[in-house]
């Protein structure tokens, strides 16, 4: 076709790789290559390899067609169907389901935490004298889970006993929200602070009368066999409960 061979439309790269860009309605056709081939094409063409085009323009709006060349080098054998599982503790499941052509959304109940903390909070709130409560927990996920459970249980109490308010505090929480935990509770309310071990030494809250310590902490542990570190929930040291108290 002479139109395809015209200099205005055809921009040949080295002929031995048969790679080209073709104008079409103001857009281009892109041919992808395995990296080891693309590297040589880029070197011989005097262009830089790896411009992260898909990150800068995820819709590849300047292209009309993308051709995956040398496909046998990418999938040399027949693979079973690929299953994509998207997991999150807080994402909008419906939005992701719609994006992936109506994929099924499965809601899995999270970790079951011991109810001792909730029972203890309830007993303090109903049977002990006034004073704020500091609860030590292992991380953001646990704090958010316990906070939801506390709010659910408080609503089940009589209206006169619903005067408890919770404040989370952990390192990833924005500073303006962290500062809320330092403010006095509204008149007639008992304040419950749900904190990680940053409240052991770094922070002091006025008005705390009760401390609930589950005796565990999230800490970095090293596997000597693999040389890899992981963040695990482990028992506290003997000194930590004393410091928390």
Protein backbone atom coordinates (compact mmCIF):
# COMPACT_ATOMS: atom_id res chain seq x y z
CA UNK A 1 0.00 0.00 0.00
CA UNK A 2 1.66 3.21 -1.12
CA UNK A 3 -0.03 5.24 1.64
CA UNK A 4 1.60 3.06 4.29
CA UNK A 5 4.96 3.35 2.55
CA UNK A 6 4.86 7.12 2.27
CA UNK A 7 7.40 8.96 4.37
CA UNK A 8 4.65 10.94 6.08
CA UNK A 9 3.01 7.85 7.51
CA UNK A 10 5.78 5.28 8.00
CA UNK A 11 8.65 5.71 10.44
CA UNK A 12 10.80 2.58 10.15
CA UNK A 13 13.10 1.39 12.89
CA UNK A 14 15.80 -1.17 12.02
CA UNK A 15 14.32 -3.40 9.33
CA UNK A 16 15.61 -6.60 10.88
CA UNK A 17 13.23 -6.08 13.80
CA UNK A 18 10.25 -4.95 11.68
CA UNK A 19 9.30 -2.39 14.35
CA UNK A 20 7.47 0.78 13.36
CA UNK A 21 5.05 3.49 14.41
CA UNK A 22 2.16 4.24 12.06
CA UNK A 23 0.09 7.43 12.04
CA UNK A 24 -3.63 6.85 11.99
CA UNK A 25 -6.14 9.64 12.52
CA UNK A 26 -3.56 11.60 14.43
CA UNK A 27 -2.64 8.60 16.59
CA UNK A 28 -0.03 5.90 16.29
CA UNK A 29 0.21 2.13 16.36
CA UNK A 30 2.68 0.81 18.88
CA UNK A 31 4.40 -2.54 18.68
CA UNK A 32 5.74 -3.97 21.90
CA UNK A 33 8.75 -6.26 22.11
CA UNK A 34 10.35 -8.50 24.72
CA UNK A 35 12.76 -6.40 26.74
CA UNK A 36 15.97 -7.91 25.38
CA UNK A 37 14.84 -7.16 21.82
CA UNK A 38 13.41 -3.75 22.68
CA UNK A 39 16.72 -2.77 24.28
CA UNK A 40 18.63 -3.36 21.03
CA UNK A 41 15.95 -1.60 19.00
CA UNK A 42 16.14 1.39 21.32
CA UNK A 43 19.94 1.51 21.16
CA UNK A 44 20.04 1.32 17.37
CA UNK A 45 17.27 3.92 17.09
CA UNK A 46 18.90 6.34 19.50
CA UNK A 47 15.93 6.48 21.88
CA UNK A 48 15.71 5.83 25.61
CA UNK A 49 14.13 2.58 26.73
CA UNK A 50 11.56 2.56 29.53
CA UNK A 51 9.71 5.87 29.58
CA UNK A 52 6.96 4.42 31.88
CA UNK A 53 4.38 5.46 29.35
CA UNK A 54 1.60 3.39 30.90
CA UNK A 55 2.08 5.13 34.26
CA UNK A 56 2.04 8.63 32.76
CA UNK A 57 -0.91 7.88 30.48
CA UNK A 58 -2.73 4.73 31.67
CA UNK A 59 -5.22 4.99 28.77
CA UNK A 60 -2.41 5.14 26.15
CA UNK A 61 -4.44 7.87 24.51
CA UNK A 62 -1.97 8.64 21.72
CA UNK A 63 -2.21 5.09 20.33
CA UNK A 64 -4.95 3.63 18.16
CA UNK A 65 -3.64 0.05 18.31
CA UNK A 66 -1.14 -1.81 20.52
CA UNK A 67 0.41 -4.92 18.96
CA UNK A 68 2.04 -7.51 21.21
CA UNK A 69 4.77 -8.91 18.99
CA UNK A 70 6.90 -11.99 19.68
CA UNK A 71 4.11 -13.30 21.92
CA UNK A 72 5.64 -16.78 21.98
CA UNK A 73 8.58 -15.37 23.98
CA UNK A 74 6.21 -14.11 26.65
CA UNK A 75 3.94 -17.16 26.86
CA UNK A 76 6.04 -20.01 25.58
CA UNK A 77 3.74 -22.62 27.10
CA UNK A 78 0.04 -22.80 27.67
CA UNK A 79 -0.93 -21.42 31.05
CA UNK A 80 -4.14 -22.14 32.98
CA UNK A 81 -6.64 -19.28 33.26
CA UNK A 82 -5.34 -16.46 35.44
CA UNK A 83 -7.32 -15.65 38.57
CA UNK A 84 -7.06 -12.11 39.90
CA UNK A 85 -7.97 -11.66 43.57
CA UNK A 86 -8.18 -8.08 44.86
CA UNK A 87 -8.14 -7.81 48.66
CA UNK A 88 -8.50 -4.83 50.96
CA UNK A 89 -9.79 -4.01 54.40
CA UNK A 90 -11.54 -0.84 53.28
CA UNK A 91 -11.96 -0.57 49.50
CA UNK A 92 -15.25 0.12 47.73
CA UNK A 93 -16.00 -3.46 46.68
CA UNK A 94 -18.79 -2.51 44.28
CA UNK A 95 -16.56 -0.12 42.35
CA UNK A 96 -13.93 -2.82 41.85
CA UNK A 97 -16.58 -5.41 41.01
CA UNK A 98 -18.08 -3.17 38.32
CA UNK A 99 -14.62 -2.41 36.88
CA UNK A 100 -13.87 -6.13 36.48
CA UNK A 101 -17.07 -6.86 34.54
CA UNK A 102 -19.30 -7.67 37.50
CA UNK A 103 -16.86 -9.93 39.35
CA UNK A 104 -18.11 -11.48 42.56
CA UNK A 105 -17.34 -9.63 45.78
CA UNK A 106 -16.73 -11.85 48.80
CA UNK A 107 -16.88 -10.28 52.25
CA UNK A 108 -14.77 -12.17 54.78
CA UNK A 109 -15.15 -11.43 58.45
CA UNK A 110 -11.92 -10.18 59.98
CA UNK A 111 -9.91 -11.56 62.83
CA UNK A 112 -11.90 -12.35 65.95
CA UNK A 113 -10.38 -10.41 68.82
CA UNK A 114 -10.81 -11.55 72.42
CA UNK A 115 -13.84 -9.94 74.03
CA UNK A 116 -11.95 -9.41 77.30
CA UNK A 117 -11.19 -5.80 76.38
CA UNK A 118 -14.86 -5.03 75.66
CA UNK A 119 -16.01 -6.74 78.86
CA UNK A 120 -13.41 -4.83 80.87
CA UNK A 121 -14.43 -1.53 79.29
CA UNK A 122 -18.08 -2.23 80.03
CA UNK A 123 -17.34 -3.08 83.67
CA UNK A 124 -15.23 0.05 84.14
CA UNK A 125 -17.88 2.21 82.50
CA UNK A 126 -20.82 0.82 84.47
CA UNK A 127 -19.32 -0.13 87.82
CA UNK A 128 -16.23 2.00 88.47
CA UNK A 129 -15.94 5.67 89.29
CA UNK A 130 -15.35 8.48 86.77
CA UNK A 131 -12.05 8.69 84.89
CA UNK A 132 -10.74 8.19 81.36
CA UNK A 133 -9.48 4.85 80.03
CA UNK A 134 -6.32 4.09 78.04
CA UNK A 135 -6.38 0.82 76.06
CA UNK A 136 -3.18 -0.51 74.50
CA UNK A 137 -3.66 -2.34 71.19
CA UNK A 138 -1.22 -3.67 68.58
CA UNK A 139 -1.91 -1.55 65.50
CA UNK A 140 -4.26 0.47 63.32
CA UNK A 141 -6.30 -2.51 62.14
CA UNK A 142 -6.98 -3.71 65.66
CA UNK A 143 -7.75 -0.20 66.91
CA UNK A 144 -10.30 0.39 64.16
CA UNK A 145 -11.89 -3.01 64.78
CA UNK A 146 -12.17 -2.49 68.54
CA UNK A 147 -13.49 1.04 68.03
CA UNK A 148 -16.31 -0.28 65.83
CA UNK A 149 -17.17 -2.97 68.37
CA UNK A 150 -17.17 -0.52 71.27
CA UNK A 151 -19.55 1.81 69.42
CA UNK A 152 -21.86 -1.10 68.62
CA UNK A 153 -21.92 -2.29 72.25
CA UNK A 154 -22.46 1.21 73.63
CA UNK A 155 -25.58 1.60 71.50
CA UNK A 156 -26.96 -1.55 73.13
CA UNK A 157 -26.79 0.00 76.60
CA UNK A 158 -29.51 2.10 78.13
CA UNK A 159 -29.60 5.72 77.06
CA UNK A 160 -28.23 6.88 80.42
CA UNK A 161 -25.11 4.71 79.93
CA UNK A 162 -24.28 5.69 76.37
CA UNK A 163 -21.94 8.42 77.63
CA UNK A 164 -18.66 6.89 76.40
CA UNK A 165 -16.58 8.34 73.57
CA UNK A 166 -13.58 6.70 71.86
CA UNK A 167 -10.47 8.29 70.36
CA UNK A 168 -7.95 6.28 68.29
CA UNK A 169 -4.29 7.24 68.21
CA UNK A 170 -1.51 5.60 66.19
CA UNK A 171 1.48 6.87 64.21
CA UNK A 172 -0.20 6.81 60.78
CA UNK A 173 -3.17 8.86 62.00
CA UNK A 174 -3.08 12.50 60.77
CA UNK A 175 -1.76 14.84 63.45
CA UNK A 176 -4.98 16.87 63.66
CA UNK A 177 -6.90 13.69 64.50
CA UNK A 178 -4.25 12.62 67.01
CA UNK A 179 -4.73 15.90 68.86
CA UNK A 180 -8.40 15.07 69.49
CA UNK A 181 -7.30 12.42 72.00
CA UNK A 182 -5.73 15.13 74.18
CA UNK A 183 -8.88 17.22 74.46
CA UNK A 184 -11.18 16.72 77.47
CA UNK A 185 -14.24 14.59 76.86
CA UNK A 186 -17.60 16.36 76.68
CA UNK A 187 -19.20 16.96 80.06
CA UNK A 188 -20.65 13.76 81.48
CA UNK A 189 -18.77 11.48 79.05
CA UNK A 190 -16.02 8.96 79.74
CA UNK A 191 -13.14 9.15 77.25
CA UNK A 192 -11.57 5.91 75.98
CA UNK A 193 -8.24 6.23 74.14
CA UNK A 194 -7.33 3.29 71.88
CA UNK A 195 -3.58 3.53 71.36
CA UNK A 196 -0.57 1.62 70.11
CA UNK A 197 2.62 1.46 72.14
CA UNK A 198 3.41 5.07 71.16
CA UNK A 199 1.47 5.89 74.34
CA UNK A 200 4.03 4.02 76.45
CA UNK A 201 6.69 6.69 76.49
CA UNK A 202 6.08 9.30 73.79
CA UNK A 203 2.69 10.61 74.90
CA UNK A 204 0.97 11.44 78.17
CA UNK A 205 -2.80 11.90 78.39
CA UNK A 206 -4.28 13.89 81.25
CA UNK A 207 -7.25 12.39 83.07
CA UNK A 208 -6.37 8.71 82.61
CA UNK A 209 -7.48 6.64 85.60
CA UNK A 210 -7.72 3.15 84.06
CA UNK A 211 -5.24 1.30 81.82
CA UNK A 212 -6.17 -1.87 79.94
CA UNK A 213 -3.11 -3.81 78.77
CA UNK A 214 -3.60 -7.03 76.74
CA UNK A 215 0.07 -7.89 77.20
CA UNK A 216 1.03 -8.03 73.52
CA UNK A 217 2.78 -5.69 71.12
CA UNK A 218 3.59 -5.59 67.41
CA UNK A 219 7.36 -5.84 66.96
CA UNK A 220 9.90 -6.51 64.22
CA UNK A 221 11.22 -10.06 64.33
CA UNK A 222 14.05 -11.52 62.24
CA UNK A 223 14.00 -15.05 60.84
CA UNK A 224 17.62 -16.23 61.08
CA UNK A 225 17.11 -18.85 58.38
CA UNK A 226 15.86 -16.48 55.70
CA UNK A 227 17.41 -13.28 57.01
CA UNK A 228 14.06 -11.55 56.52
CA UNK A 229 12.23 -9.36 59.00
CA UNK A 230 8.50 -9.39 59.64
CA UNK A 231 6.14 -7.46 61.89
CA UNK A 232 4.62 -9.92 64.35
CA UNK A 233 2.39 -9.72 67.41
CA UNK A 234 4.43 -10.96 70.39
CA UNK A 235 4.15 -10.86 74.19
CA UNK A 236 5.39 -7.68 75.81
CA UNK A 237 8.60 -7.62 77.79
CA UNK A 238 8.38 -7.56 81.57
CA UNK A 239 9.21 -3.86 81.61
CA UNK A 240 6.54 -2.78 79.15
CA UNK A 241 3.45 -3.36 81.33
CA UNK A 242 5.16 -1.42 84.10
CA UNK A 243 5.87 1.45 81.73
CA UNK A 244 2.32 1.39 80.42
CA UNK A 245 0.92 1.42 83.92
